[in-house]
Amino acid sequence: MVDAIAASTVVFAIGPAGTGKSFVAANVAASYLLADNRRRVLVTRPAVEAAGEKLGFLPGELEEKFDPYVRPVLKILEQRLGKGAVESMVKNGRITFMPLAFMRGETFDDCFVIADEAQNMTKEQMKMLLTRIGRGSVMVVDGDPMQSDIGSKSGLEDAVYRLRDVSGVSVVRFGRSDIVRHDIIQEILDAYETPGS
């Protein structure tokens, strides 16, 4: 995945939970920030509640409302760069968290974009996201099609299929043998995906 990011403009990282897709993307993004103080990192994710759970209205400013969605990537950046450094970079705009709904009309130049949990993006959202790429930017789009909370409307596999022959686009597929979170996850996935269970 690291090699694909170095060689491509858009990287799709697809695979089951626990394979390190977000972890790798956030760590490469941290290196990107450290390499040049003009570079930015943007993190987005569809604001879709998982597994049908409805949280209802969230109080606070936009950043507070979106925080639960981007917290996993934020935690990885903090582990790599330190909490104080990340807070400073957020304050000065080098790290930005943006809902998909606010992207229309944006262009991301000199930016490392992480689109996390992309299995919950519609085809229209995916197209809008992919067409925001500006000069000097890299975009990592990660997700697990098996965990889509929006059903067959998911734009992730659709985009991978449509862009399979486009120069500058790479697809990295992870399998169960790549799971690094905990060994039991492979067995949990087997139990849920075995016919008749």
Protein backbone atom coordinates (compact mmCIF):
# COMPACT_ATOMS: atom_id res chain seq x y z
CA MET A 1 0.00 0.00 0.00
CA VAL A 2 2.86 2.38 0.81
CA ASP A 3 4.43 1.70 -2.59
CA ALA A 4 1.09 2.27 -4.32
CA ILE A 5 0.68 5.62 -2.55
CA ALA A 6 4.18 6.68 -3.62
CA ALA A 7 3.48 5.77 -7.26
CA SER A 8 -0.14 6.88 -7.70
CA THR A 9 -2.46 9.84 -7.48
CA VAL A 10 -5.44 7.79 -6.25
CA VAL A 11 -5.15 4.61 -4.22
CA PHE A 12 -8.12 2.44 -3.34
CA ALA A 13 -7.36 0.28 -0.28
CA ILE A 14 -9.99 -2.42 0.09
CA GLY A 15 -10.25 -5.16 2.66
CA PRO A 16 -11.77 -6.43 5.87
CA ALA A 17 -11.71 -4.75 9.25
CA GLY A 18 -8.37 -4.80 11.04
CA THR A 19 -6.07 -4.96 8.00
CA GLY A 20 -4.50 -1.55 8.71
CA LYS A 21 -5.94 0.44 5.81
CA SER A 22 -6.60 3.58 7.88
CA PHE A 23 -3.43 3.05 9.92
CA VAL A 24 -1.18 2.99 6.85
CA ALA A 25 -2.96 5.95 5.23
CA ALA A 26 -2.67 8.09 8.38
CA ASN A 27 0.99 7.21 8.90
CA VAL A 28 1.88 8.09 5.31
CA ALA A 29 -0.12 11.32 5.75
CA ALA A 30 1.96 12.13 8.84
CA SER A 31 5.17 11.62 6.84
CA TYR A 32 3.71 13.87 4.13
CA LEU A 33 3.17 16.64 6.72
CA LEU A 34 6.67 16.24 8.16
CA ALA A 35 8.33 16.39 4.73
CA ASP A 36 7.12 19.90 3.82
CA ASN A 37 5.41 22.55 5.92
CA ARG A 38 3.30 23.73 2.96
CA ARG A 39 1.52 20.42 2.64
CA ARG A 40 -1.90 19.71 4.09
CA VAL A 41 -3.86 16.64 5.10
CA LEU A 42 -7.60 16.42 4.66
CA VAL A 43 -9.64 13.65 6.25
CA THR A 44 -13.18 12.87 5.20
CA ARG A 45 -15.65 10.12 5.80
CA PRO A 46 -19.32 9.65 5.00
CA ALA A 47 -21.48 10.69 7.94
CA VAL A 48 -23.34 7.38 7.98
CA GLU A 49 -24.19 5.71 11.25
CA ALA A 50 -23.04 2.10 11.38
CA ALA A 51 -25.26 -0.96 11.31
CA GLY A 52 -28.53 0.97 11.33
CA GLU A 53 -27.85 2.69 14.66
CA LYS A 54 -29.37 6.17 14.88
CA LEU A 55 -27.61 8.65 17.13
CA GLY A 56 -29.94 11.54 16.41
CA PHE A 57 -28.99 15.18 16.65
CA LEU A 58 -25.43 15.89 17.80
CA PRO A 59 -24.91 19.20 19.63
CA GLY A 60 -22.11 21.66 18.98
CA GLU A 61 -20.20 23.21 16.10
CA LEU A 62 -19.51 21.37 12.83
CA GLU A 63 -16.12 20.13 14.10
CA GLU A 64 -17.75 18.63 17.19
CA LYS A 65 -20.48 16.97 15.15
CA PHE A 66 -17.98 15.45 12.71
CA ASP A 67 -15.44 14.45 15.38
CA PRO A 68 -16.89 10.95 16.06
CA TYR A 69 -16.53 10.12 12.35
CA VAL A 70 -12.87 11.14 12.01
CA ARG A 71 -11.64 10.18 15.49
CA PRO A 72 -10.03 6.87 14.36
CA VAL A 73 -7.74 8.67 11.88
CA LEU A 74 -7.14 11.54 14.32
CA LYS A 75 -5.94 9.07 16.97
CA ILE A 76 -3.42 7.55 14.54
CA LEU A 77 -2.09 11.01 13.59
CA GLU A 78 -1.75 11.86 17.30
CA GLN A 79 0.19 8.63 17.96
CA ARG A 80 2.61 9.48 15.17
CA LEU A 81 2.95 13.26 15.53
CA GLY A 82 1.92 13.90 19.14
CA LYS A 83 -1.35 15.39 20.37
CA GLY A 84 0.06 18.93 20.68
CA ALA A 85 1.47 18.93 17.15
CA VAL A 86 -1.82 17.67 15.71
CA GLU A 87 -3.81 20.30 17.64
CA SER A 88 -1.48 22.99 16.28
CA MET A 89 -1.78 21.66 12.71
CA VAL A 90 -5.57 21.57 13.00
CA LYS A 91 -5.57 25.14 14.29
CA ASN A 92 -3.38 26.43 11.44
CA GLY A 93 -5.28 24.47 8.77
CA ARG A 94 -2.60 21.92 7.87
CA ILE A 95 -4.92 19.14 9.05
CA THR A 96 -8.56 19.54 8.06
CA PHE A 97 -11.61 17.37 8.64
CA MET A 98 -14.37 17.94 6.12
CA PRO A 99 -17.72 16.24 5.60
CA LEU A 100 -18.43 15.19 2.01
CA ALA A 101 -21.43 17.53 1.96
CA PHE A 102 -19.12 20.57 2.13
CA MET A 103 -16.78 19.61 -0.74
CA ARG A 104 -18.58 20.79 -3.82
CA GLY A 105 -16.50 23.49 -5.52
CA GLU A 106 -13.33 22.65 -3.54
CA THR A 107 -9.95 21.88 -5.10
CA PHE A 108 -7.35 20.14 -2.97
CA ASP A 109 -3.85 21.23 -4.04
CA ASP A 110 -0.70 19.92 -2.29
CA CYS A 111 -2.93 17.82 -0.11
CA PHE A 112 -2.93 14.25 1.16
CA VAL A 113 -6.59 13.23 1.25
CA ILE A 114 -7.79 10.29 3.32
CA ALA A 115 -11.33 9.16 2.51
CA ASP A 116 -12.06 6.65 5.26
CA GLU A 117 -14.93 4.11 5.36
CA ALA A 118 -15.64 4.78 1.69
CA GLN A 119 -17.92 1.76 1.39
CA ASN A 120 -20.60 4.13 2.73
CA MET A 121 -20.22 6.66 -0.09
CA THR A 122 -22.79 6.74 -2.86
CA LYS A 123 -21.65 6.78 -6.49
CA GLU A 124 -22.43 10.50 -6.63
CA GLN A 125 -20.41 11.25 -3.48
CA MET A 126 -17.48 9.21 -4.78
CA LYS A 127 -17.48 11.03 -8.11
CA MET A 128 -17.60 14.40 -6.35
CA LEU A 129 -14.74 13.43 -4.03
CA LEU A 130 -12.50 12.08 -6.78
CA THR A 131 -12.97 15.20 -8.89
CA ARG A 132 -11.66 17.49 -6.08
CA ILE A 133 -8.04 16.35 -6.62
CA GLY A 134 -5.72 19.25 -7.39
CA ARG A 135 -2.06 19.56 -8.34
CA GLY A 136 0.46 17.86 -6.10
CA SER A 137 -2.19 15.85 -4.27
CA VAL A 138 -2.61 12.19 -3.38
CA MET A 139 -5.88 10.57 -2.35
CA VAL A 140 -6.29 7.33 -0.42
CA VAL A 141 -9.81 5.92 -0.46
CA ASP A 142 -10.26 3.03 1.94
CA GLY A 143 -13.09 0.75 2.92
CA ASP A 144 -14.59 -2.69 3.17
CA PRO A 145 -17.44 -3.37 0.73
CA MET A 146 -18.65 -6.15 3.06
CA GLN A 147 -19.37 -3.53 5.75
CA SER A 148 -21.46 -1.16 3.66
CA ASP A 149 -24.29 0.43 5.62
CA ILE A 150 -25.95 1.79 2.48
CA GLY A 151 -26.49 -1.47 0.63
CA SER A 152 -25.91 -1.86 -3.09
CA LYS A 153 -25.70 1.91 -3.64
CA SER A 154 -22.03 1.93 -2.55
CA GLY A 155 -19.73 3.90 -4.80
CA LEU A 156 -16.50 2.20 -3.68
CA GLU A 157 -16.56 -0.94 -5.82
CA ASP A 158 -18.22 1.04 -8.61
CA ALA A 159 -15.28 3.49 -8.66
CA VAL A 160 -12.71 0.69 -8.54
CA TYR A 161 -14.40 -0.92 -11.55
CA ARG A 162 -14.77 2.32 -13.52
CA LEU A 163 -11.20 3.49 -12.90
CA ARG A 164 -9.42 0.13 -13.22
CA ASP A 165 -7.58 1.17 -16.40
CA VAL A 166 -6.91 4.81 -15.50
CA SER A 167 -3.23 5.72 -15.25
CA GLY A 168 -2.34 7.00 -11.78
CA VAL A 169 -4.99 4.88 -10.03
CA SER A 170 -3.97 1.85 -7.95
CA VAL A 171 -6.04 -0.73 -6.12
CA VAL A 172 -4.64 -2.55 -3.10
CA ARG A 173 -6.76 -5.45 -1.89
CA PHE A 174 -6.30 -6.94 1.56
CA GLY A 175 -7.55 -10.34 2.65
CA ARG A 176 -8.23 -11.98 5.98
CA SER A 177 -4.63 -13.13 6.24
CA ASP A 178 -3.66 -9.43 6.36
CA ILE A 179 -5.65 -8.73 9.54
CA VAL A 180 -3.34 -7.27 12.17
CA ARG A 181 -5.81 -6.02 14.78
CA HIS A 182 -6.35 -9.37 16.56
CA ASP A 183 -6.24 -12.99 15.40
CA ILE A 184 -9.81 -13.63 16.54
CA ILE A 185 -11.18 -11.21 13.91
CA GLN A 186 -10.55 -13.76 11.17
CA GLU A 187 -12.64 -16.29 13.07
CA ILE A 188 -15.39 -13.74 13.76
CA LEU A 189 -15.60 -12.88 10.06
CA ASP A 190 -15.72 -16.58 9.18
CA ALA A 191 -18.59 -17.15 11.63
CA TYR A 192 -20.63 -14.26 10.24
CA GLU A 193 -20.00 -15.07 6.60
CA THR A 194 -20.53 -18.85 6.72
CA PRO A 195 -23.76 -19.76 4.91
CA GLY A 196 -26.56 -20.72 7.29
CA SER A 197 -25.06 -19.01 10.32
